[in-house]
Amino acid sequence: MQTKRHILLRDKTSLIPGLLLSCRCGKSVPQAEYKEGLCIDCLATEKCAPYRAEIVRCYRKRLRYEKLGKPTSLKGTDDIAHRNRLRIIKVCQGLTSNAARLEELTNEQGRLAREAVSGSKILLPRR
C-alpha cells in the first residue's frame, strides 16, 4: 500500500512542465523537447545529417547530368533520394509524436538539403 509520501516523491521526479532548458544553439526549450542534451531541432539536424548528405549527392548528380545534356531519368538516384527522405521521416517520428511538430521537423530537414544543393540560402515566405 502506497502512502501519500511515496506518491508525492514520485510526482516530484516527473517532468516539470514550466522548466526551460538551454540548448547549444541558444534556444530555451521546454523539458519535454530536450533529449540527449540537445533540443529536438538540433537532435534532428544531427541525426539526419547522413541522409541529407546522400540526398544532396543524388541531386548534384542529377544537375551534373542536366548540364551535360544527358537524360535525367536516373531512376537509381531518385530511388535513393526517396529512401533517404523516408529515413529522415522515421528519425523525426522517433523524436516527437506531435504531428504538427513532425511535419515542421521534416520540412526543415528538406529545406536544409535543398539549400545544400543550391549552395545558397533559400528564402520562402511563411504561411
Protein backbone atom coordinates (compact mmCIF):
# COMPACT_ATOMS: atom_id res chain seq x y z
CA MET A 1 0.00 0.00 0.00
CA GLN A 2 1.43 3.36 -1.04
CA THR A 3 1.34 6.26 1.31
CA LYS A 4 0.89 9.88 0.39
CA ARG A 5 4.58 10.49 0.85
CA HIS A 6 5.55 7.92 -1.83
CA ILE A 7 3.08 9.42 -4.27
CA LEU A 8 4.45 12.93 -3.68
CA LEU A 9 8.04 11.80 -4.14
CA ARG A 10 7.19 10.05 -7.38
CA ASP A 11 5.38 13.15 -8.68
CA LYS A 12 8.36 15.38 -7.91
CA THR A 13 10.63 13.32 -10.16
CA SER A 14 8.32 13.58 -13.17
CA LEU A 15 8.67 16.26 -15.84
CA ILE A 16 8.23 19.80 -14.62
CA PRO A 17 6.07 21.48 -17.28
CA GLY A 18 7.34 25.04 -16.79
CA LEU A 19 11.05 24.18 -16.76
CA LEU A 20 13.03 25.58 -19.71
CA LEU A 21 16.41 24.15 -20.61
CA SER A 22 19.06 25.81 -22.74
CA CYS A 23 20.42 24.09 -25.84
CA ARG A 24 23.79 24.64 -27.50
CA CYS A 25 22.02 26.54 -30.30
CA GLY A 26 20.96 29.15 -27.75
CA LYS A 27 17.26 28.34 -27.65
CA SER A 28 15.41 27.77 -24.41
CA VAL A 29 13.10 24.81 -24.86
CA PRO A 30 10.63 23.00 -22.57
CA GLN A 31 11.95 19.94 -20.81
CA ALA A 32 9.70 17.71 -22.93
CA GLU A 33 11.54 18.83 -26.10
CA TYR A 34 15.02 18.30 -24.66
CA LYS A 35 16.72 14.94 -25.26
CA GLU A 36 20.33 13.80 -25.04
CA GLY A 37 21.48 17.28 -24.08
CA LEU A 38 20.03 18.90 -27.23
CA CYS A 39 16.74 20.42 -28.31
CA ILE A 40 14.71 18.36 -30.78
CA ASP A 41 15.70 20.65 -33.69
CA CYS A 42 19.44 20.18 -33.07
CA LEU A 43 18.97 16.47 -32.47
CA ALA A 44 17.06 16.05 -35.74
CA THR A 45 19.70 18.04 -37.62
CA GLU A 46 22.46 15.88 -36.15
CA LYS A 47 20.76 12.51 -36.68
CA CYS A 48 19.54 13.31 -40.21
CA ALA A 49 22.87 14.68 -41.50
CA PRO A 50 23.98 11.48 -43.30
CA TYR A 51 20.62 11.14 -45.03
CA ARG A 52 20.63 14.79 -46.10
CA ALA A 53 24.17 14.39 -47.46
CA GLU A 54 23.04 11.43 -49.58
CA ILE A 55 20.07 13.41 -50.93
CA VAL A 56 22.40 16.27 -51.82
CA ARG A 57 24.75 13.86 -53.59
CA CYS A 58 21.87 12.47 -55.68
CA TYR A 59 20.56 15.91 -56.66
CA ARG A 60 24.02 17.16 -57.57
CA LYS A 61 24.48 14.12 -59.79
CA ARG A 62 21.16 14.93 -61.46
CA LEU A 63 22.23 18.56 -62.02
CA ARG A 64 25.57 17.42 -63.46
CA TYR A 65 23.77 15.19 -65.96
CA GLU A 66 21.39 18.01 -66.92
CA LYS A 67 24.34 20.34 -67.65
CA LEU A 68 25.91 17.72 -69.91
CA GLY A 69 22.63 17.31 -71.80
CA LYS A 70 22.28 13.67 -70.85
CA PRO A 71 18.90 12.15 -70.00
CA THR A 72 18.00 12.88 -66.39
CA SER A 73 15.79 9.87 -65.82
CA LEU A 74 18.15 8.48 -63.21
CA LYS A 75 15.83 6.01 -61.55
CA GLY A 76 18.55 4.82 -59.19
CA THR A 77 19.38 8.23 -57.76
CA ASP A 78 15.71 9.18 -57.47
CA ASP A 79 15.04 5.98 -55.54
CA ILE A 80 18.00 6.59 -53.24
CA ALA A 81 16.87 10.17 -52.55
CA HIS A 82 13.33 8.95 -51.84
CA ARG A 83 14.54 6.24 -49.45
CA ASN A 84 16.64 8.79 -47.59
CA ARG A 85 13.64 11.14 -47.31
CA LEU A 86 11.68 8.27 -45.76
CA ARG A 87 14.55 7.61 -43.34
CA ILE A 88 14.51 11.26 -42.31
CA ILE A 89 10.79 10.98 -41.59
CA LYS A 90 11.39 7.86 -39.47
CA VAL A 91 14.12 9.59 -37.46
CA CYS A 92 11.85 12.58 -36.85
CA GLN A 93 8.99 10.26 -35.86
CA GLY A 94 11.26 8.77 -33.22
CA LEU A 95 11.92 12.23 -31.80
CA THR A 96 8.35 13.50 -31.48
CA SER A 97 4.81 12.14 -31.51
CA ASN A 98 3.16 15.50 -32.23
CA ALA A 99 2.00 15.50 -35.88
CA ALA A 100 2.43 19.24 -36.41
CA ARG A 101 5.92 19.17 -34.88
CA LEU A 102 6.81 16.13 -37.02
CA GLU A 103 5.80 17.96 -40.20
CA GLU A 104 7.81 21.00 -39.12
CA LEU A 105 10.93 18.90 -38.45
CA THR A 106 10.76 17.00 -41.75
CA ASN A 107 10.16 20.21 -43.73
CA GLU A 108 13.16 21.80 -42.04
CA GLN A 109 15.37 18.84 -42.97
CA GLY A 110 14.15 19.04 -46.57
CA ARG A 111 14.88 22.76 -46.66
CA LEU A 112 18.41 22.16 -45.38
CA ALA A 113 19.00 19.56 -48.12
CA ARG A 114 17.68 21.91 -50.84
CA GLU A 115 19.89 24.73 -49.57
CA ALA A 116 22.93 22.46 -49.63
CA VAL A 117 22.20 21.50 -53.26
CA SER A 118 21.78 25.07 -54.45
CA GLY A 119 24.70 26.33 -52.40
CA SER A 120 22.77 29.30 -51.04
CA LYS A 121 20.06 30.05 -48.56
CA ILE A 122 16.54 29.69 -49.92
CA LEU A 123 14.05 32.18 -48.52
CA LEU A 124 10.45 31.04 -48.70
CA PRO A 125 7.52 33.07 -47.39
CA ARG A 126 5.91 31.70 -44.23
CA ARG A 127 2.27 30.71 -44.31
